[in-house]
Every structure is written in C-alpha cells, then in structure tokens.
N, C-alpha and C. Protein backbone atom coordinates (compact mmCIF):
# COMPACT_ATOMS: atom_id res chain seq x y z
N MET A 1 -225.35 32.69 7.04
CA MET A 1 -224.89 34.05 7.05
C MET A 1 -226.26 34.71 6.47
N ALA A 2 -226.49 35.35 7.44
CA ALA A 2 -227.53 36.71 7.14
C ALA A 2 -227.07 38.38 6.68
N ARG A 3 -225.78 38.24 6.39
CA ARG A 3 -225.63 39.66 6.20
C ARG A 3 -226.04 39.93 4.49
N ASN A 4 -226.30 41.33 4.26
CA ASN A 4 -226.79 41.93 3.36
C ASN A 4 -228.11 41.64 2.98
N GLN A 5 -229.20 41.38 3.93
CA GLN A 5 -230.30 41.37 3.95
C GLN A 5 -230.90 42.10 2.78
N ASP A 6 -230.97 43.22 3.20
CA ASP A 6 -231.52 44.27 2.39
C ASP A 6 -230.96 44.55 0.89
N LYS A 7 -230.14 43.84 0.28
CA LYS A 7 -229.60 43.93 -1.01
C LYS A 7 -230.64 43.15 -1.63
N THR A 8 -230.74 43.91 -3.38
CA THR A 8 -232.00 42.91 -3.90
C THR A 8 -231.33 41.96 -4.68
N LYS A 9 -231.80 40.72 -4.64
CA LYS A 9 -231.11 39.68 -5.40
C LYS A 9 -231.62 39.52 -6.76
N ARG A 10 -230.48 39.24 -7.79
CA ARG A 10 -230.69 38.61 -8.85
C ARG A 10 -230.57 37.07 -9.21
N LEU A 11 -231.66 36.65 -9.86
CA LEU A 11 -231.28 34.81 -9.77
C LEU A 11 -231.29 34.95 -11.37
N LEU A 12 -229.92 34.31 -11.39
CA LEU A 12 -229.86 33.87 -12.97
C LEU A 12 -229.66 32.03 -12.97
N GLU A 13 -230.47 31.44 -13.93
CA GLU A 13 -230.48 29.72 -14.05
C GLU A 13 -230.01 29.27 -15.16
N CYS A 14 -229.14 28.41 -15.38
CA CYS A 14 -228.78 27.88 -16.34
C CYS A 14 -228.71 26.37 -15.93
N GLU A 15 -228.38 25.28 -16.92
CA GLU A 15 -227.89 23.96 -16.96
C GLU A 15 -226.33 24.30 -16.87
N ALA A 16 -225.58 23.59 -16.49
CA ALA A 16 -223.99 22.96 -16.58
C ALA A 16 -223.74 21.40 -16.10
N GLN A 17 -222.54 20.52 -16.30
CA GLN A 17 -221.95 19.75 -16.39
C GLN A 17 -220.98 19.54 -15.50
N VAL A 18 -220.87 18.88 -14.00
CA VAL A 18 -219.54 18.73 -13.50
C VAL A 18 -218.38 17.82 -14.69
N GLY A 19 -217.53 18.51 -14.76
CA GLY A 19 -216.20 18.36 -15.43
C GLY A 19 -215.64 17.54 -14.79
N PRO A 20 -214.48 17.12 -15.55
CA PRO A 20 -213.38 15.82 -14.98
C PRO A 20 -213.02 16.14 -13.78
N ASP A 21 -212.61 17.52 -13.63
CA ASP A 21 -211.97 18.26 -12.53
C ASP A 21 -213.11 18.45 -11.17
N ARG A 22 -213.97 18.31 -11.93
CA ARG A 22 -215.56 18.55 -10.78
C ARG A 22 -215.54 19.79 -10.56
N THR A 23 -215.25 20.77 -11.91
CA THR A 23 -215.84 22.11 -11.69
C THR A 23 -216.71 22.46 -12.89
N LEU A 24 -217.59 23.57 -12.50
CA LEU A 24 -218.70 23.62 -13.24
C LEU A 24 -218.40 24.73 -14.06
N ARG A 25 -218.93 25.11 -15.36
CA ARG A 25 -218.29 25.80 -16.17
C ARG A 25 -219.71 26.58 -16.88
N LEU A 26 -219.62 28.05 -16.84
CA LEU A 26 -220.86 28.41 -16.97
C LEU A 26 -221.65 28.72 -18.42
N PRO A 27 -222.24 28.99 -18.64
CA PRO A 27 -222.52 29.00 -20.10
C PRO A 27 -222.29 30.59 -20.43
N GLU A 28 -221.87 31.08 -21.21
CA GLU A 28 -220.95 32.54 -21.63
C GLU A 28 -222.37 33.23 -21.28
N GLU A 29 -223.36 33.14 -21.91
CA GLU A 29 -224.26 34.17 -22.16
C GLU A 29 -224.48 34.68 -20.18
N VAL A 30 -224.24 33.75 -19.38
CA VAL A 30 -224.36 33.69 -18.18
C VAL A 30 -223.43 34.66 -17.61
N ALA A 31 -222.16 33.99 -17.53
CA ALA A 31 -220.86 34.42 -17.52
C ALA A 31 -220.61 36.14 -17.76
N GLU A 32 -221.17 36.01 -18.94
CA GLU A 32 -220.93 37.69 -19.22
C GLU A 32 -221.57 38.84 -18.42
N ARG A 33 -222.65 38.19 -17.77
CA ARG A 33 -223.27 39.51 -16.47
C ARG A 33 -223.02 39.02 -15.09
N LEU A 34 -221.70 38.40 -15.23
CA LEU A 34 -220.64 38.22 -13.50
C LEU A 34 -219.63 39.61 -13.76
N ALA A 35 -219.32 39.98 -12.71
CA ALA A 35 -218.17 40.69 -12.70
C ALA A 35 -216.76 39.90 -12.54
N PRO A 36 -215.72 39.86 -12.78
CA PRO A 36 -214.80 38.64 -12.76
C PRO A 36 -214.45 39.18 -10.83
N GLY A 37 -214.75 38.07 -9.99
CA GLY A 37 -214.38 37.90 -8.74
C GLY A 37 -215.73 38.24 -7.69
N GLN A 38 -216.84 38.41 -8.25
CA GLN A 38 -217.85 38.35 -8.13
C GLN A 38 -218.54 37.35 -7.14
N ARG A 39 -218.75 37.60 -5.81
CA ARG A 39 -219.11 36.28 -4.80
C ARG A 39 -221.01 36.30 -5.56
N VAL A 40 -220.96 34.75 -5.14
CA VAL A 40 -222.50 34.31 -5.74
C VAL A 40 -222.56 33.57 -4.68
N ARG A 41 -224.11 33.18 -4.72
CA ARG A 41 -224.28 32.00 -4.03
C ARG A 41 -225.11 30.66 -5.07
N VAL A 42 -224.45 29.57 -4.92
CA VAL A 42 -224.78 28.58 -5.58
C VAL A 42 -225.73 27.51 -4.88
N ILE A 43 -227.18 27.44 -5.87
CA ILE A 43 -228.03 26.17 -4.99
C ILE A 43 -227.68 25.40 -6.21
N LEU A 44 -227.51 23.88 -6.23
CA LEU A 44 -227.59 22.78 -7.34
C LEU A 44 -228.89 22.46 -6.89
N VAL A 45 -229.73 22.16 -8.08
CA VAL A 45 -230.51 20.62 -8.31
C VAL A 45 -230.21 20.02 -9.03
N LEU A 46 -230.20 18.30 -8.75
CA LEU A 46 -229.89 17.74 -8.88
C LEU A 46 -230.86 16.86 -9.39
N ASP A 47 -231.33 16.20 -10.47
CA ASP A 47 -232.08 15.28 -11.13
C ASP A 47 -231.76 13.74 -10.86
N LEU A 48 -232.91 13.11 -9.95
CA LEU A 48 -232.24 11.88 -8.95
C LEU A 48 -231.85 10.77 -9.79
N ASP A 49 -232.97 10.73 -10.99
CA ASP A 49 -232.83 9.94 -11.84
C ASP A 49 -231.31 9.73 -12.48
N LEU A 50 -230.62 11.05 -12.80
CA LEU A 50 -229.49 10.73 -13.09
C LEU A 50 -228.27 10.04 -11.94
N ASP A 51 -228.83 10.38 -10.81
CA ASP A 51 -227.81 10.14 -9.65
C ASP A 51 -227.49 8.87 -9.36
N LEU A 52 -229.09 8.15 -9.60
CA LEU A 52 -229.07 6.71 -8.82
C LEU A 52 -229.40 5.86 -9.91
N ASP A 53 -228.49 4.54 -9.17
CA ASP A 53 -228.67 3.19 -10.57
C ASP A 53 -229.90 2.86 -10.73
N ALA A 54 -230.18 2.06 -11.90
CA ALA A 54 -231.20 1.81 -12.03
C ALA A 54 -232.22 1.08 -10.92
N ASP A 55 -231.58 -0.05 -10.61
CA ASP A 55 -232.27 -0.43 -9.08
C ASP A 55 -232.65 0.07 -8.02
N GLU A 56 -231.86 1.51 -7.58
CA GLU A 56 -231.97 2.32 -6.78
C GLU A 56 -233.02 3.02 -6.76
N SER A 57 -233.24 3.36 -8.30
CA SER A 57 -234.22 4.40 -8.35
C SER A 57 -235.51 3.92 -8.95
N ALA A 58 -235.68 2.41 -8.66
CA ALA A 58 -236.50 1.84 -9.09
C ALA A 58 -237.37 1.48 -7.49
N ASP A 59 -236.36 1.51 -6.61
CA ASP A 59 -236.73 1.43 -5.41
C ASP A 59 -237.07 2.30 -4.96
N TRP A 60 -236.84 3.73 -5.06
CA TRP A 60 -237.34 4.82 -4.83
C TRP A 60 -238.60 5.00 -5.23
N ARG A 61 -238.89 4.74 -6.13
CA ARG A 61 -240.40 4.46 -7.10
C ARG A 61 -241.23 3.71 -6.28
N ARG A 62 -240.93 2.77 -6.18
CA ARG A 62 -241.68 1.77 -5.37
C ARG A 62 -241.82 2.08 -3.65
N LEU A 63 -241.00 2.45 -3.25
CA LEU A 63 -241.47 2.77 -1.70
C LEU A 63 -242.09 4.10 -1.85
N THR A 64 -242.25 4.94 -2.85
CA THR A 64 -242.89 6.13 -2.92
C THR A 64 -244.37 6.01 -3.01
N ALA A 65 -244.96 5.28 -4.18
CA ALA A 65 -245.73 4.30 -4.28
C ALA A 65 -246.69 3.81 -3.19
N GLU A 66 -246.09 3.11 -2.17
CA GLU A 66 -246.65 2.17 -0.96
C GLU A 66 -246.69 3.73 -0.14
N GLU A 67 -245.65 4.51 -0.06
CA GLU A 67 -245.97 5.03 0.98
C GLU A 67 -247.41 5.96 0.36
N PHE A 68 -247.95 6.49 -0.72
CA PHE A 68 -249.03 7.26 -1.19
C PHE A 68 -250.05 6.35 -0.86
N LEU A 69 -250.03 4.87 -1.17
CA LEU A 69 -251.04 4.21 -0.82
C LEU A 69 -251.59 3.76 0.48
N LYS A 70 -250.61 4.29 1.06
CA LYS A 70 -250.98 3.63 2.93
C LYS A 70 -251.70 5.04 3.33
N GLY A 71 -251.89 6.01 2.77
CA GLY A 71 -252.86 7.29 2.92
C GLY A 71 -254.38 6.91 2.27
N TYR A 72 -254.40 5.74 1.50
CA TYR A 72 -255.58 5.56 0.75
C TYR A 72 -256.53 4.86 1.40
N ALA A 73 -258.02 5.26 2.19
CA ALA A 73 -259.04 4.70 2.53
C ALA A 73 -260.28 4.16 1.60
N GLU A 74 -260.88 3.41 2.50
CA GLU A 74 -261.89 2.56 1.30
C GLU A 74 -262.76 3.96 1.22
N GLY A 75 -263.34 4.54 2.30
CA GLY A 75 -264.20 6.10 1.84
C GLY A 75 -263.71 6.97 0.95
N ASP A 76 -261.97 6.39 0.37
CA ASP A 76 -261.81 7.54 -0.68
C ASP A 76 -262.39 6.85 -2.24
N SER A 77 -263.10 5.69 -2.19
CA SER A 77 -262.92 5.03 -3.33
C SER A 77 -264.14 5.57 -3.93
N ILE A 78 -265.03 6.59 -3.13
CA ILE A 78 -266.49 7.43 -4.05
C ILE A 78 -265.40 8.24 -4.69
N TYR A 79 -264.30 8.98 -4.78
CA TYR A 79 -263.76 9.86 -5.82
C TYR A 79 -263.40 8.64 -7.33
N ASP A 80 -263.38 7.60 -7.16
CA ASP A 80 -262.73 6.98 -8.21
C ASP A 80 -264.11 6.78 -9.00
N ARG A 81 -265.58 7.06 -8.79
CA ARG A 81 -266.12 7.28 -9.43
C ARG A 81 -266.72 8.34 -10.45
N LEU A 82 -265.81 9.21 -10.06
CA LEU A 82 -266.02 10.39 -10.41
C LEU A 82 -265.46 11.07 -12.19
C-alpha cells in the first residue's frame, strides 16, 4: 500500500528474540518512543546461519563458492599477481 507517502519516516532499529508464544518484545528504549496503539511497519532481518542447520549452512557456503568461481576466467589470473 502506498498511502501516506508524503509523511516523514522515522526508523528505529533494535534486536529482539522471538518468544515461546512467537511474539517480539521491544526493548524499553524503543517501546517508550512509540504511542500506545501506534501503527508501525516491521521489517525482519534474519541471520541465515541461525536459521539453518549445520549441513544446510555448509551447502549454501559451498554453492556460493562454486557459483562465484564459475565467473572466474583464465584471463583473470593476471590479478592474482598484484
């Protein structure tokens, strides 16, 4: 939704942990800057290493390295001597 595009945005950043009931509790210093009932937009940034088991994380690292090296050409070897 693109409503209220002319309003100035204020960004607050903090870390939180998902509770047993799958809720997020804001740190007090962030919560005190919000009015009760105030609507906010939430963007979650997840650390992939925490969300993946060890095997899956290793698979992603291997795939990333393989895909990166696919773009390497013999002509690029001149940069290895710098």
